């Protein structure tokens, strides 16, 4: 044993086997000399009845004095009951965010989420989470790093908030699985961005333009059929894309969907939708109404054909989901009340349908005109002179 100083460290000559140089002043502080000539400072201690060692850092990067200070910290922690070696092992065993994300998608999302949700989670992880946090150990991710990721997406508030939501679920599952045990979800109390709900509804003129384009588009009948059914039923895109003939009851005029966003539901359809379904040919050995190019499968990509169709109709700001909004808007204009529209759309909560209440402007405007005209008429009416009898 000798005091570990720059002189004693430089004087330590490598041998055929590694050996240790122990400090005579600070028990447990040592230097490991490898046959290659590499020299590593370390701290040695007993924890849980076992002899443990923790590397502090290589000589050259650290000076003996700095290494001694770090060793004192480790040994002080041991005296207080902690185990730096166990902490080191725990950190080594902790998966990176990229590794955990893969397991999360395979073992949690695949079993507990619907296909559209699975796709959204996968997209958030691969495009936004992994590039920023993928190399971080999951036990090390802090709230500050989550805030930094969230703020990097502030140009797209919706995506920023969805990504934050996916991260929050990941950390909750990490705690459930015992991968992260500090009881802290670094997404908690991270303020979401305000989202402005985008509302777009087709006017009668726009519907006419779209109808003309659909009638002329004979090269992609599956996409045209899909758009027709979306317009006439108010269904979500996933509900029409995955619609099977077994779910269709033309005699009763209903679609019996076993699994939608809100669970199993019954969709009542009108005569126009029934006629569209009657005109769609059934493909042998394919159970789907809207068939795809792969044998036995449904049409999986509606975005590209929709972009082509809406461009021809000069409706380039209209999303596919806006067709569902238009269905609700038209129902309101025709006098249907919100509870009825909620049933048509398959909403489970009144608040979901209530977002359309402000659209019913024509009847309100008519009432406002009627009241205002009556008051204006009274204001303009000549004043009648009172007659007095003597």
Foldseek 3Di string as FASTA:
>chain_A
DDADAPVVLVPDDADPAKDKDAHPPDPQWIWIAGNVRWIWTKGWDDAPNDIDIDTDGTPPVDGSVVSVVVNVVQVVVVVVPDHVRVVVVLQVPFAFLQVLLVCCLVPPCVVPHDPVVSVLLVCLCVPQVCVQGRRPRPQPDALVSLLVSLVVCVVPLVSSVSSLVSLQVSVVVCCVVVSHPPPDRSSPPNDGDDDDDDADADDPLLVVLLVVLLVPPPPQVLLSLLLQLCLFQLEDSVCQQAQFPVQDDLVQQWGFAQQDPVGTAIAHTDPSNSVSQVPQDDDPCAGHSRCPPDPNHTNDDNPVVVCVSCVSSVNNVDDSNNSSVNNLLVCLCVPDDQVVNCNSHVPPDSVVSCVCVVSNVPVVVVVVCVVVVVVVVVVPDDDDDDDDDD
